[in-house]
Amino acid sequence: MSDATDCLFCRIATGELPADKVYEDQHVTAFRDINPVAPVHILVIPNRHIVSLAHTEPDDREILGHIMSVLVKIAASEGLAERGYRTVVNCGDEGGQTVSHLHFHLLGRRQLNWPPG
């Protein structure tokens, strides 16, 4: 697991690395995934380094709630609200997490099947 000093997503949040950002505020950053699995594939991350969902603390409730509201806002702005969309959080190696920074995937604009895995 990485720490904030060498974290790809931390570097995107600070602007050190470029990304196709679709939303940004003092708490979160959202950007298009460079390897999309759907026509709309956006990642929403907390700007503060949190390794994974398993690493959240009770004090993180506010940021987690804020991320949820940002996901809804972005889904609406991307035209996904009417047709539907999926949000995914991978946690740990077996959960498919490839970057050790908490991130939420927003997927849409195609039929998404179930089960996903």
PDB file of N, CA and C in Angstrom:
ATOM      1  N   MET A   1       0.845  -1.190   0.000  1.00  0.00           N
ATOM      2  CA  MET A   1       0.000   0.000   0.000  1.00  0.00           C
ATOM      3  C   MET A   1       0.885   1.246   0.000  1.00  0.00           C
ATOM      4  N   SER A   2       0.445   2.221  -0.748  1.00  0.00           N
ATOM      5  CA  SER A   2       1.237   3.438  -0.856  1.00  0.00           C
ATOM      6  C   SER A   2       0.873   4.424   0.239  1.00  0.00           C
ATOM      7  N   ASP A   3       1.727   5.415   0.373  1.00  0.00           N
ATOM      8  CA  ASP A   3       1.369   6.535   1.242  1.00  0.00           C
ATOM      9  C   ASP A   3       1.218   7.761   0.349  1.00  0.00           C
ATOM     10  N   ALA A   4       0.845   8.861   0.956  1.00  0.00           N
ATOM     11  CA  ALA A   4       0.536  10.060   0.181  1.00  0.00           C
ATOM     12  C   ALA A   4       1.717  10.591  -0.618  1.00  0.00           C
ATOM     13  N   THR A   5       2.941  10.303  -0.205  1.00  0.00           N
ATOM     14  CA  THR A   5       4.102  10.870  -0.887  1.00  0.00           C
ATOM     15  C   THR A   5       4.314  10.294  -2.287  1.00  0.00           C
ATOM     16  N   ASP A   6       3.875   9.069  -2.519  1.00  0.00           N
ATOM     17  CA  ASP A   6       4.058   8.470  -3.844  1.00  0.00           C
ATOM     18  C   ASP A   6       2.736   8.036  -4.468  1.00  0.00           C
ATOM     19  N   CYS A   7       1.639   8.603  -4.011  1.00  0.00           N
ATOM     20  CA  CYS A   7       0.308   8.198  -4.460  1.00  0.00           C
ATOM     21  C   CYS A   7      -0.086   8.912  -5.749  1.00  0.00           C
ATOM     22  N   LEU A   8      -0.410   8.140  -6.760  1.00  0.00           N
ATOM     23  CA  LEU A   8      -0.845   8.666  -8.051  1.00  0.00           C
ATOM     24  C   LEU A   8      -2.036   9.604  -7.899  1.00  0.00           C
ATOM     25  N   PHE A   9      -3.048   9.187  -7.136  1.00  0.00           N
ATOM     26  CA  PHE A   9      -4.253  10.007  -7.018  1.00  0.00           C
ATOM     27  C   PHE A   9      -4.020  11.265  -6.188  1.00  0.00           C
ATOM     28  N   CYS A  10      -3.149  11.204  -5.206  1.00  0.00           N
ATOM     29  CA  CYS A  10      -2.797  12.427  -4.468  1.00  0.00           C
ATOM     30  C   CYS A  10      -2.147  13.431  -5.403  1.00  0.00           C
ATOM     31  N   ARG A  11      -1.306  12.940  -6.298  1.00  0.00           N
ATOM     32  CA  ARG A  11      -0.627  13.820  -7.241  1.00  0.00           C
ATOM     33  C   ARG A  11      -1.599  14.424  -8.245  1.00  0.00           C
ATOM     34  N   ILE A  12      -2.652  13.701  -8.596  1.00  0.00           N
ATOM     35  CA  ILE A  12      -3.697  14.256  -9.460  1.00  0.00           C
ATOM     36  C   ILE A  12      -4.485  15.321  -8.691  1.00  0.00           C
ATOM     37  N   ALA A  13      -4.829  15.024  -7.442  1.00  0.00           N
ATOM     38  CA  ALA A  13      -5.621  15.963  -6.630  1.00  0.00           C
ATOM     39  C   ALA A  13      -4.893  17.288  -6.431  1.00  0.00           C
ATOM     40  N   THR A  14      -3.576  17.241  -6.281  1.00  0.00           N
ATOM     41  CA  THR A  14      -2.815  18.478  -6.077  1.00  0.00           C
ATOM     42  C   THR A  14      -2.491  19.195  -7.378  1.00  0.00           C
ATOM     43  N   GLY A  15      -2.756  18.557  -8.505  1.00  0.00           N
ATOM     44  CA  GLY A  15      -2.455  19.162  -9.799  1.00  0.00           C
ATOM     45  C   GLY A  15      -1.059  18.860 -10.295  1.00  0.00           C
ATOM     46  N   GLU A  16      -0.308  18.069  -9.546  1.00  0.00           N
ATOM     47  CA  GLU A  16       1.042  17.697  -9.963  1.00  0.00           C
ATOM     48  C   GLU A  16       1.012  16.857 -11.236  1.00  0.00           C
ATOM     49  N   LEU A  17      -0.011  16.009 -11.371  1.00  0.00           N
ATOM     50  CA  LEU A  17      -0.194  15.210 -12.582  1.00  0.00           C
ATOM     51  C   LEU A  17      -1.479  15.652 -13.274  1.00  0.00           C
ATOM     52  N   PRO A  18      -1.490  15.660 -14.596  1.00  0.00           N
ATOM     53  CA  PRO A  18      -2.689  16.086 -15.315  1.00  0.00           C
ATOM     54  C   PRO A  18      -3.775  15.013 -15.276  1.00  0.00           C
ATOM     55  N   ALA A  19      -5.007  15.471 -15.375  1.00  0.00           N
ATOM     56  CA  ALA A  19      -6.161  14.577 -15.474  1.00  0.00           C
ATOM     57  C   ALA A  19      -7.293  15.366 -16.105  1.00  0.00           C
ATOM     58  N   ASP A  20      -8.229  14.659 -16.700  1.00  0.00           N
ATOM     59  CA  ASP A  20      -9.413  15.286 -17.279  1.00  0.00           C
ATOM     60  C   ASP A  20     -10.446  15.445 -16.160  1.00  0.00           C
ATOM     61  N   LYS A  21     -10.274  16.521 -15.388  1.00  0.00           N
ATOM     62  CA  LYS A  21     -11.123  16.743 -14.209  1.00  0.00           C
ATOM     63  C   LYS A  21     -12.509  17.217 -14.628  1.00  0.00           C
ATOM     64  N   VAL A  22     -13.519  16.663 -13.948  1.00  0.00           N
ATOM     65  CA  VAL A  22     -14.904  17.068 -14.198  1.00  0.00           C
ATOM     66  C   VAL A  22     -15.508  17.771 -12.992  1.00  0.00           C
ATOM     67  N   TYR A  23     -14.851  17.676 -11.842  1.00  0.00           N
ATOM     68  CA  TYR A  23     -15.336  18.336 -10.624  1.00  0.00           C
ATOM     69  C   TYR A  23     -14.164  18.439  -9.655  1.00  0.00           C
ATOM     70  N   GLU A  24     -14.158  19.546  -8.902  1.00  0.00           N
ATOM     71  CA  GLU A  24     -13.105  19.723  -7.909  1.00  0.00           C
ATOM     72  C   GLU A  24     -13.592  20.719  -6.863  1.00  0.00           C
ATOM     73  N   ASP A  25     -13.380  20.388  -5.602  1.00  0.00           N
ATOM     74  CA  ASP A  25     -13.604  21.341  -4.523  1.00  0.00           C
ATOM     75  C   ASP A  25     -12.529  21.092  -3.462  1.00  0.00           C
ATOM     76  N   GLN A  26     -12.647  21.706  -2.322  1.00  0.00           N
ATOM     77  CA  GLN A  26     -11.582  21.578  -1.318  1.00  0.00           C
ATOM     78  C   GLN A  26     -11.475  20.179  -0.723  1.00  0.00           C
ATOM     79  N   HIS A  27     -12.503  19.350  -0.911  1.00  0.00           N
ATOM     80  CA  HIS A  27     -12.516  18.020  -0.292  1.00  0.00           C
ATOM     81  C   HIS A  27     -12.329  16.861  -1.264  1.00  0.00           C
ATOM     82  N   VAL A  28     -12.816  17.016  -2.497  1.00  0.00           N
ATOM     83  CA  VAL A  28     -12.787  15.910  -3.454  1.00  0.00           C
ATOM     84  C   VAL A  28     -12.376  16.388  -4.841  1.00  0.00           C
ATOM     85  N   THR A  29     -11.904  15.432  -5.635  1.00  0.00           N
ATOM     86  CA  THR A  29     -11.591  15.660  -7.044  1.00  0.00           C
ATOM     87  C   THR A  29     -12.215  14.526  -7.835  1.00  0.00           C
ATOM     88  N   ALA A  30     -12.784  14.852  -8.998  1.00  0.00           N
ATOM     89  CA  ALA A  30     -13.358  13.843  -9.882  1.00  0.00           C
ATOM     90  C   ALA A  30     -12.763  14.011 -11.268  1.00  0.00           C
ATOM     91  N   PHE A  31     -12.397  12.893 -11.884  1.00  0.00           N
ATOM     92  CA  PHE A  31     -11.762  12.939 -13.197  1.00  0.00           C
ATOM     93  C   PHE A  31     -12.106  11.686 -13.983  1.00  0.00           C
ATOM     94  N   ARG A  32     -11.992  11.792 -15.293  1.00  0.00           N
ATOM     95  CA  ARG A  32     -12.291  10.660 -16.174  1.00  0.00           C
ATOM     96  C   ARG A  32     -11.181   9.602 -16.067  1.00  0.00           C
ATOM     97  N   ASP A  33     -11.608   8.351 -15.994  1.00  0.00           N
ATOM     98  CA  ASP A  33     -10.673   7.224 -15.921  1.00  0.00           C
ATOM     99  C   ASP A  33      -9.927   7.115 -17.251  1.00  0.00           C
ATOM    100  N   ILE A  34      -8.627   6.877 -17.195  1.00  0.00           N
ATOM    101  CA  ILE A  34      -7.843   6.770 -18.442  1.00  0.00           C
ATOM    102  C   ILE A  34      -8.049   5.424 -19.139  1.00  0.00           C
ATOM    103  N   ASN A  35      -8.639   4.453 -18.438  1.00  0.00           N
ATOM    104  CA  ASN A  35      -8.967   3.152 -19.029  1.00  0.00           C
ATOM    105  C   ASN A  35     -10.445   2.854 -18.785  1.00  0.00           C
ATOM    106  N   PRO A  36     -11.335   3.592 -19.434  1.00  0.00           N
ATOM    107  CA  PRO A  36     -12.756   3.449 -19.126  1.00  0.00           C
ATOM    108  C   PRO A  36     -13.324   2.091 -19.518  1.00  0.00           C
ATOM    109  N   VAL A  37     -14.257   1.608 -18.693  1.00  0.00           N
ATOM    110  CA  VAL A  37     -14.972   0.364 -18.991  1.00  0.00           C
ATOM    111  C   VAL A  37     -16.420   0.652 -19.379  1.00  0.00           C
ATOM    112  N   ALA A  38     -16.773   1.918 -19.476  1.00  0.00           N
ATOM    113  CA  ALA A  38     -18.096   2.354 -19.904  1.00  0.00           C
ATOM    114  C   ALA A  38     -17.918   3.716 -20.581  1.00  0.00           C
ATOM    115  N   PRO A  39     -18.892   4.128 -21.391  1.00  0.00           N
ATOM    116  CA  PRO A  39     -18.777   5.435 -22.041  1.00  0.00           C
ATOM    117  C   PRO A  39     -18.563   6.585 -21.047  1.00  0.00           C
ATOM    118  N   VAL A  40     -19.187   6.497 -19.891  1.00  0.00           N
ATOM    119  CA  VAL A  40     -18.880   7.429 -18.803  1.00  0.00           C
ATOM    120  C   VAL A  40     -18.227   6.607 -17.701  1.00  0.00           C
ATOM    121  N   HIS A  41     -16.993   6.951 -17.367  1.00  0.00           N
ATOM    122  CA  HIS A  41     -16.264   6.280 -16.289  1.00  0.00           C
ATOM    123  C   HIS A  41     -15.439   7.356 -15.584  1.00  0.00           C
ATOM    124  N   ILE A  42     -15.963   7.789 -14.460  1.00  0.00           N
ATOM    125  CA  ILE A  42     -15.359   8.876 -13.697  1.00  0.00           C
ATOM    126  C   ILE A  42     -14.960   8.363 -12.321  1.00  0.00           C
ATOM    127  N   LEU A  43     -13.805   8.791 -11.854  1.00  0.00           N
ATOM    128  CA  LEU A  43     -13.334   8.456 -10.513  1.00  0.00           C
ATOM    129  C   LEU A  43     -13.524   9.672  -9.617  1.00  0.00           C
ATOM    130  N   VAL A  44     -14.053   9.431  -8.428  1.00  0.00           N
ATOM    131  CA  VAL A  44     -14.217  10.482  -7.427  1.00  0.00           C
ATOM    132  C   VAL A  44     -13.379  10.085  -6.225  1.00  0.00           C
ATOM    133  N   ILE A  45     -12.462  10.973  -5.837  1.00  0.00           N
ATOM    134  CA  ILE A  45     -11.519  10.672  -4.763  1.00  0.00           C
ATOM    135  C   ILE A  45     -11.556  11.759  -3.690  1.00  0.00           C
ATOM    136  N   PRO A  46     -11.288  11.375  -2.439  1.00  0.00           N
ATOM    137  CA  PRO A  46     -11.059  12.413  -1.435  1.00  0.00           C
ATOM    138  C   PRO A  46      -9.684  13.018  -1.700  1.00  0.00           C
ATOM    139  N   ASN A  47      -9.556  14.316  -1.517  1.00  0.00           N
ATOM    140  CA  ASN A  47      -8.246  14.951  -1.724  1.00  0.00           C
ATOM    141  C   ASN A  47      -7.250  14.515  -0.658  1.00  0.00           C
ATOM    142  N   ARG A  48      -7.748  14.197   0.517  1.00  0.00           N
ATOM    143  CA  ARG A  48      -6.895  13.696   1.605  1.00  0.00           C
ATOM    144  C   ARG A  48      -6.652  12.207   1.363  1.00  0.00           C
ATOM    145  N   HIS A  49      -5.435  11.775   1.552  1.00  0.00           N
ATOM    146  CA  HIS A  49      -5.088  10.376   1.302  1.00  0.00           C
ATOM    147  C   HIS A  49      -5.763   9.453   2.319  1.00  0.00           C
ATOM    148  N   ILE A  50      -6.595   8.568   1.797  1.00  0.00           N
ATOM    149  CA  ILE A  50      -7.175   7.459   2.558  1.00  0.00           C
ATOM    150  C   ILE A  50      -6.907   6.231   1.708  1.00  0.00           C
ATOM    151  N   VAL A  51      -6.281   5.219   2.263  1.00  0.00           N
ATOM    152  CA  VAL A  51      -5.849   4.064   1.480  1.00  0.00           C
ATOM    153  C   VAL A  51      -7.018   3.325   0.839  1.00  0.00           C
ATOM    154  N   SER A  52      -8.057   3.034   1.607  1.00  0.00           N
ATOM    155  CA  SER A  52      -9.202   2.286   1.080  1.00  0.00           C
ATOM    156  C   SER A  52     -10.406   2.502   1.977  1.00  0.00           C
ATOM    157  N   LEU A  53     -11.526   1.954   1.572  1.00  0.00           N
ATOM    158  CA  LEU A  53     -12.731   2.036   2.393  1.00  0.00           C
ATOM    159  C   LEU A  53     -12.497   1.387   3.751  1.00  0.00           C
ATOM    160  N   ALA A  54     -11.699   0.326   3.777  1.00  0.00           N
ATOM    161  CA  ALA A  54     -11.383  -0.362   5.032  1.00  0.00           C
ATOM    162  C   ALA A  54     -10.554   0.499   5.977  1.00  0.00           C
ATOM    163  N   HIS A  55      -9.959   1.550   5.462  1.00  0.00           N
ATOM    164  CA  HIS A  55      -9.119   2.436   6.270  1.00  0.00           C
ATOM    165  C   HIS A  55      -9.845   3.696   6.731  1.00  0.00           C
ATOM    166  N   THR A  56     -11.146   3.773   6.484  1.00  0.00           N
ATOM    167  CA  THR A  56     -11.894   4.935   6.944  1.00  0.00           C
ATOM    168  C   THR A  56     -12.162   4.817   8.442  1.00  0.00           C
ATOM    169  N   GLU A  57     -12.354   5.964   9.049  1.00  0.00           N
ATOM    170  CA  GLU A  57     -12.617   6.072  10.488  1.00  0.00           C
ATOM    171  C   GLU A  57     -13.978   6.723  10.682  1.00  0.00           C
ATOM    172  N   PRO A  58     -14.544   6.646  11.885  1.00  0.00           N
ATOM    173  CA  PRO A  58     -15.820   7.327  12.133  1.00  0.00           C
ATOM    174  C   PRO A  58     -15.780   8.813  11.775  1.00  0.00           C
ATOM    175  N   ASP A  59     -14.640   9.463  11.932  1.00  0.00           N
ATOM    176  CA  ASP A  59     -14.515  10.882  11.587  1.00  0.00           C
ATOM    177  C   ASP A  59     -14.603  11.138  10.082  1.00  0.00           C
ATOM    178  N   ASP A  60     -14.541  10.090   9.270  1.00  0.00           N
ATOM    179  CA  ASP A  60     -14.612  10.236   7.816  1.00  0.00           C
ATOM    180  C   ASP A  60     -16.045  10.248   7.287  1.00  0.00           C
ATOM    181  N   ARG A  61     -17.042  10.175   8.165  1.00  0.00           N
ATOM    182  CA  ARG A  61     -18.439  10.160   7.711  1.00  0.00           C
ATOM    183  C   ARG A  61     -18.765  11.373   6.854  1.00  0.00           C
ATOM    184  N   GLU A  62     -18.273  12.535   7.240  1.00  0.00           N
ATOM    185  CA  GLU A  62     -18.596  13.762   6.494  1.00  0.00           C
ATOM    186  C   GLU A  62     -18.044  13.708   5.069  1.00  0.00           C
ATOM    187  N   ILE A  63     -16.798  13.295   4.914  1.00  0.00           N
ATOM    188  CA  ILE A  63     -16.221  13.239   3.567  1.00  0.00           C
ATOM    189  C   ILE A  63     -16.894  12.148   2.743  1.00  0.00           C
ATOM    190  N   LEU A  64     -17.241  11.025   3.358  1.00  0.00           N
ATOM    191  CA  LEU A  64     -17.920   9.958   2.624  1.00  0.00           C
ATOM    192  C   LEU A  64     -19.298  10.424   2.158  1.00  0.00           C
ATOM    193  N   GLY A  65     -20.016  11.131   3.003  1.00  0.00           N
ATOM    194  CA  GLY A  65     -21.309  11.691   2.608  1.00  0.00           C
ATOM    195  C   GLY A  65     -21.159  12.715   1.499  1.00  0.00           C
ATOM    196  N   HIS A  66     -20.123  13.525   1.584  1.00  0.00           N
ATOM    197  CA  HIS A  66     -19.869  14.529   0.547  1.00  0.00           C
ATOM    198  C   HIS A  66     -19.576  13.851  -0.786  1.00  0.00           C
ATOM    199  N   ILE A  67     -18.794  12.782  -0.756  1.00  0.00           N
ATOM    200  CA  ILE A  67     -18.499  12.042  -1.989  1.00  0.00           C
ATOM    201  C   ILE A  67     -19.794  11.524  -2.606  1.00  0.00           C
ATOM    202  N   MET A  68     -20.701  11.011  -1.787  1.00  0.00           N
ATOM    203  CA  MET A  68     -21.979  10.516  -2.311  1.00  0.00           C
ATOM    204  C   MET A  68     -22.750  11.638  -3.010  1.00  0.00           C
ATOM    205  N   SER A  69     -22.795  12.810  -2.398  1.00  0.00           N
ATOM    206  CA  SER A  69     -23.530  13.922  -3.017  1.00  0.00           C
ATOM    207  C   SER A  69     -22.846  14.383  -4.301  1.00  0.00           C
ATOM    208  N   VAL A  70     -21.530  14.336  -4.355  1.00  0.00           N
ATOM    209  CA  VAL A  70     -20.800  14.695  -5.571  1.00  0.00           C
ATOM    210  C   VAL A  70     -21.078  13.672  -6.678  1.00  0.00           C
ATOM    211  N   LEU A  71     -21.132  12.400  -6.331  1.00  0.00           N
ATOM    212  CA  LEU A  71     -21.464  11.372  -7.327  1.00  0.00           C
ATOM    213  C   LEU A  71     -22.823  11.639  -7.959  1.00  0.00           C
ATOM    214  N   VAL A  72     -23.804  11.989  -7.139  1.00  0.00           N
ATOM    215  CA  VAL A  72     -25.144  12.282  -7.648  1.00  0.00           C
ATOM    216  C   VAL A  72     -25.110  13.509  -8.555  1.00  0.00           C
ATOM    217  N   LYS A  73     -24.386  14.537  -8.142  1.00  0.00           N
ATOM    218  CA  LYS A  73     -24.280  15.772  -8.935  1.00  0.00           C
ATOM    219  C   LYS A  73     -23.615  15.498 -10.285  1.00  0.00           C
ATOM    220  N   ILE A  74     -22.536  14.739 -10.277  1.00  0.00           N
ATOM    221  CA  ILE A  74     -21.842  14.433 -11.531  1.00  0.00           C
ATOM    222  C   ILE A  74     -22.706  13.554 -12.425  1.00  0.00           C
ATOM    223  N   ALA A  75     -23.392  12.573 -11.847  1.00  0.00           N
ATOM    224  CA  ALA A  75     -24.278  11.715 -12.636  1.00  0.00           C
ATOM    225  C   ALA A  75     -25.319  12.559 -13.361  1.00  0.00           C
ATOM    226  N   ALA A  76     -25.872  13.546 -12.677  1.00  0.00           N
ATOM    227  CA  ALA A  76     -26.853  14.425 -13.308  1.00  0.00           C
ATOM    228  C   ALA A  76     -26.211  15.248 -14.416  1.00  0.00           C
ATOM    229  N   SER A  77     -25.033  15.801 -14.157  1.00  0.00           N
ATOM    230  CA  SER A  77     -24.383  16.650 -15.162  1.00  0.00           C
ATOM    231  C   SER A  77     -23.922  15.850 -16.386  1.00  0.00           C
ATOM    232  N   GLU A  78     -23.688  14.554 -16.211  1.00  0.00           N
ATOM    233  CA  GLU A  78     -23.278  13.688 -17.321  1.00  0.00           C
ATOM    234  C   GLU A  78     -24.476  13.072 -18.043  1.00  0.00           C
ATOM    235  N   GLY A  79     -25.692  13.410 -17.604  1.00  0.00           N
ATOM    236  CA  GLY A  79     -26.895  12.883 -18.242  1.00  0.00           C
ATOM    237  C   GLY A  79     -27.214  11.448 -17.878  1.00  0.00           C
ATOM    238  N   LEU A  80     -26.761  10.994 -16.721  1.00  0.00           N
ATOM    239  CA  LEU A  80     -26.970   9.603 -16.318  1.00  0.00           C
ATOM    240  C   LEU A  80     -28.180   9.408 -15.404  1.00  0.00           C
ATOM    241  N   ALA A  81     -28.680  10.467 -14.810  1.00  0.00           N
ATOM    242  CA  ALA A  81     -29.705  10.342 -13.778  1.00  0.00           C
ATOM    243  C   ALA A  81     -30.967   9.651 -14.288  1.00  0.00           C
ATOM    244  N   GLU A  82     -31.399   9.947 -15.487  1.00  0.00           N
ATOM    245  CA  GLU A  82     -32.626   9.362 -16.037  1.00  0.00           C
ATOM    246  C   GLU A  82     -32.450   7.889 -16.404  1.00  0.00           C
ATOM    247  N   ARG A  83     -31.342   7.547 -17.006  1.00  0.00           N
ATOM    248  CA  ARG A  83     -31.126   6.198 -17.536  1.00  0.00           C
ATOM    249  C   ARG A  83     -30.575   5.232 -16.506  1.00  0.00           C
ATOM    250  N   GLY A  84     -29.886   5.762 -15.512  1.00  0.00           N
ATOM    251  CA  GLY A  84     -29.280   4.921 -14.486  1.00  0.00           C
ATOM    252  C   GLY A  84     -27.769   4.868 -14.616  1.00  0.00           C
ATOM    253  N   TYR A  85     -27.149   4.473 -13.538  1.00  0.00           N
ATOM    254  CA  TYR A  85     -25.688   4.405 -13.478  1.00  0.00           C
ATOM    255  C   TYR A  85     -25.303   3.496 -12.324  1.00  0.00           C
ATOM    256  N   ARG A  86     -24.021   3.224 -12.226  1.00  0.00           N
ATOM    257  CA  ARG A  86     -23.507   2.385 -11.146  1.00  0.00           C
ATOM    258  C   ARG A  86     -22.353   3.101 -10.477  1.00  0.00           C
ATOM    259  N   THR A  87     -22.267   2.957  -9.161  1.00  0.00           N
ATOM    260  CA  THR A  87     -21.089   3.396  -8.417  1.00  0.00           C
ATOM    261  C   THR A  87     -20.449   2.155  -7.817  1.00  0.00           C
ATOM    262  N   VAL A  88     -19.121   2.121  -7.847  1.00  0.00           N
ATOM    263  CA  VAL A  88     -18.364   0.963  -7.384  1.00  0.00           C
ATOM    264  C   VAL A  88     -17.205   1.451  -6.528  1.00  0.00           C
ATOM    265  N   VAL A  89     -16.972   0.744  -5.427  1.00  0.00           N
ATOM    266  CA  VAL A  89     -15.787   0.979  -4.604  1.00  0.00           C
ATOM    267  C   VAL A  89     -15.093  -0.365  -4.449  1.00  0.00           C
ATOM    268  N   ASN A  90     -13.901  -0.491  -4.994  1.00  0.00           N
ATOM    269  CA  ASN A  90     -13.100  -1.692  -4.826  1.00  0.00           C
ATOM    270  C   ASN A  90     -12.249  -1.522  -3.576  1.00  0.00           C
ATOM    271  N   CYS A  91     -12.091  -2.606  -2.829  1.00  0.00           N
ATOM    272  CA  CYS A  91     -11.346  -2.520  -1.575  1.00  0.00           C
ATOM    273  C   CYS A  91     -10.360  -3.676  -1.466  1.00  0.00           C
ATOM    274  N   GLY A  92      -9.077  -3.348  -1.483  1.00  0.00           N
ATOM    275  CA  GLY A  92      -8.031  -4.355  -1.337  1.00  0.00           C
ATOM    276  C   GLY A  92      -7.773  -5.123  -2.618  1.00  0.00           C
ATOM    277  N   ASP A  93      -6.736  -5.946  -2.577  1.00  0.00           N
ATOM    278  CA  ASP A  93      -6.304  -6.689  -3.761  1.00  0.00           C
ATOM    279  C   ASP A  93      -7.398  -7.589  -4.328  1.00  0.00           C
ATOM    280  N   GLU A  94      -8.013  -8.414  -3.497  1.00  0.00           N
ATOM    281  CA  GLU A  94      -9.033  -9.330  -4.001  1.00  0.00           C
ATOM    282  C   GLU A  94     -10.301  -8.601  -4.406  1.00  0.00           C
ATOM    283  N   GLY A  95     -10.504  -7.397  -3.907  1.00  0.00           N
ATOM    284  CA  GLY A  95     -11.643  -6.587  -4.308  1.00  0.00           C
ATOM    285  C   GLY A  95     -11.404  -5.832  -5.602  1.00  0.00           C
ATOM    286  N   GLY A  96     -10.190  -5.920  -6.138  1.00  0.00           N
ATOM    287  CA  GLY A  96      -9.876  -5.281  -7.412  1.00  0.00           C
ATOM    288  C   GLY A  96      -9.327  -3.875  -7.303  1.00  0.00           C
ATOM    289  N   GLN A  97      -8.942  -3.443  -6.101  1.00  0.00           N
ATOM    290  CA  GLN A  97      -8.391  -2.091  -5.947  1.00  0.00           C
ATOM    291  C   GLN A  97      -6.964  -2.071  -6.484  1.00  0.00           C
ATOM    292  N   THR A  98      -6.718  -1.242  -7.501  1.00  0.00           N
ATOM    293  CA  THR A  98      -5.393  -1.194  -8.127  1.00  0.00           C
ATOM    294  C   THR A  98      -4.591   0.040  -7.735  1.00  0.00           C
ATOM    295  N   VAL A  99      -5.250   1.066  -7.203  1.00  0.00           N
ATOM    296  CA  VAL A  99      -4.565   2.250  -6.691  1.00  0.00           C
ATOM    297  C   VAL A  99      -4.928   2.377  -5.219  1.00  0.00           C
ATOM    298  N   SER A 100      -3.920   2.457  -4.372  1.00  0.00           N
ATOM    299  CA  SER A 100      -4.128   2.483  -2.922  1.00  0.00           C
ATOM    300  C   SER A 100      -4.502   3.880  -2.434  1.00  0.00           C
ATOM    301  N   HIS A 101      -5.605   4.371  -2.953  1.00  0.00           N
ATOM    302  CA  HIS A 101      -6.207   5.637  -2.528  1.00  0.00           C
ATOM    303  C   HIS A 101      -7.700   5.424  -2.745  1.00  0.00           C
ATOM    304  N   LEU A 102      -8.482   5.631  -1.726  1.00  0.00           N
ATOM    305  CA  LEU A 102      -9.922   5.436  -1.822  1.00  0.00           C
ATOM    306  C   LEU A 102     -10.476   6.147  -3.053  1.00  0.00           C
ATOM    307  N   HIS A 103     -11.237   5.422  -3.861  1.00  0.00           N
ATOM    308  CA  HIS A 103     -11.858   6.037  -5.032  1.00  0.00           C
ATOM    309  C   HIS A 103     -13.154   5.325  -5.377  1.00  0.00           C
ATOM    310  N   PHE A 104     -14.079   6.116  -5.855  1.00  0.00           N
ATOM    311  CA  PHE A 104     -15.393   5.650  -6.249  1.00  0.00           C
ATOM    312  C   PHE A 104     -15.494   5.755  -7.764  1.00  0.00           C
ATOM    313  N   HIS A 105     -15.909   4.685  -8.408  1.00  0.00           N
ATOM    314  CA  HIS A 105     -16.117   4.673  -9.853  1.00  0.00           C
ATOM    315  C   HIS A 105     -17.572   5.040 -10.129  1.00  0.00           C
ATOM    316  N   LEU A 106     -17.794   5.934 -11.062  1.00  0.00           N
ATOM    317  CA  LEU A 106     -19.119   6.261 -11.564  1.00  0.00           C
ATOM    318  C   LEU A 106     -19.168   5.782 -13.003  1.00  0.00           C
ATOM    319  N   LEU A 107     -20.049   4.826 -13.285  1.00  0.00           N
ATOM    320  CA  LEU A 107     -20.119   4.183 -14.591  1.00  0.00           C
ATOM    321  C   LEU A 107     -21.503   4.373 -15.197  1.00  0.00           C
ATOM    322  N   GLY A 108     -21.545   4.653 -16.489  1.00  0.00           N
ATOM    323  CA  GLY A 108     -22.845   4.782 -17.118  1.00  0.00           C
ATOM    324  C   GLY A 108     -22.789   4.947 -18.616  1.00  0.00           C
ATOM    325  N   ARG A 109     -23.979   5.149 -19.163  1.00  0.00           N
ATOM    326  CA  ARG A 109     -24.256   5.330 -20.582  1.00  0.00           C
ATOM    327  C   ARG A 109     -24.085   4.038 -21.381  1.00  0.00           C
ATOM    328  N   ARG A 110     -24.278   2.911 -20.718  1.00  0.00           N
ATOM    329  CA  ARG A 110     -24.421   1.613 -21.376  1.00  0.00           C
ATOM    330  C   ARG A 110     -25.125   0.684 -20.393  1.00  0.00           C
ATOM    331  N   GLN A 111     -25.660  -0.407 -20.894  1.00  0.00           N
ATOM    332  CA  GLN A 111     -26.303  -1.387 -20.022  1.00  0.00           C
ATOM    333  C   GLN A 111     -25.223  -2.078 -19.187  1.00  0.00           C
ATOM    334  N   LEU A 112     -25.355  -2.011 -17.880  1.00  0.00           N
ATOM    335  CA  LEU A 112     -24.407  -2.653 -16.969  1.00  0.00           C
ATOM    336  C   LEU A 112     -25.047  -3.938 -16.459  1.00  0.00           C
ATOM    337  N   ASN A 113     -24.326  -5.039 -16.564  1.00  0.00           N
ATOM    338  CA  ASN A 113     -24.865  -6.345 -16.196  1.00  0.00           C
ATOM    339  C   ASN A 113     -24.597  -6.683 -14.739  1.00  0.00           C
ATOM    340  N   TRP A 114     -25.352  -7.666 -14.250  1.00  0.00           N
ATOM    341  CA  TRP A 114     -25.183  -8.157 -12.890  1.00  0.00           C
ATOM    342  C   TRP A 114     -25.148  -9.664 -12.941  1.00  0.00           C
ATOM    343  N   PRO A 115     -24.292 -10.352 -12.226  1.00  0.00           N
ATOM    344  CA  PRO A 115     -23.308  -9.782 -11.309  1.00  0.00           C
ATOM    345  C   PRO A 115     -22.122  -9.186 -12.040  1.00  0.00           C
ATOM    346  N   PRO A 116     -21.467  -8.206 -11.397  1.00  0.00           N
ATOM    347  CA  PRO A 116     -20.383  -7.489 -12.071  1.00  0.00           C
ATOM    348  C   PRO A 116     -19.092  -8.265 -12.168  1.00  0.00           C
ATOM    349  N   GLY A 117     -18.801  -9.161 -11.237  1.00  0.00           N
ATOM    350  CA  GLY A 117     -17.478  -9.774 -11.176  1.00  0.00           C
ATOM    351  C   GLY A 117     -17.328 -10.983 -12.007  1.00  0.00           C
TER     352      GLY A 117
END
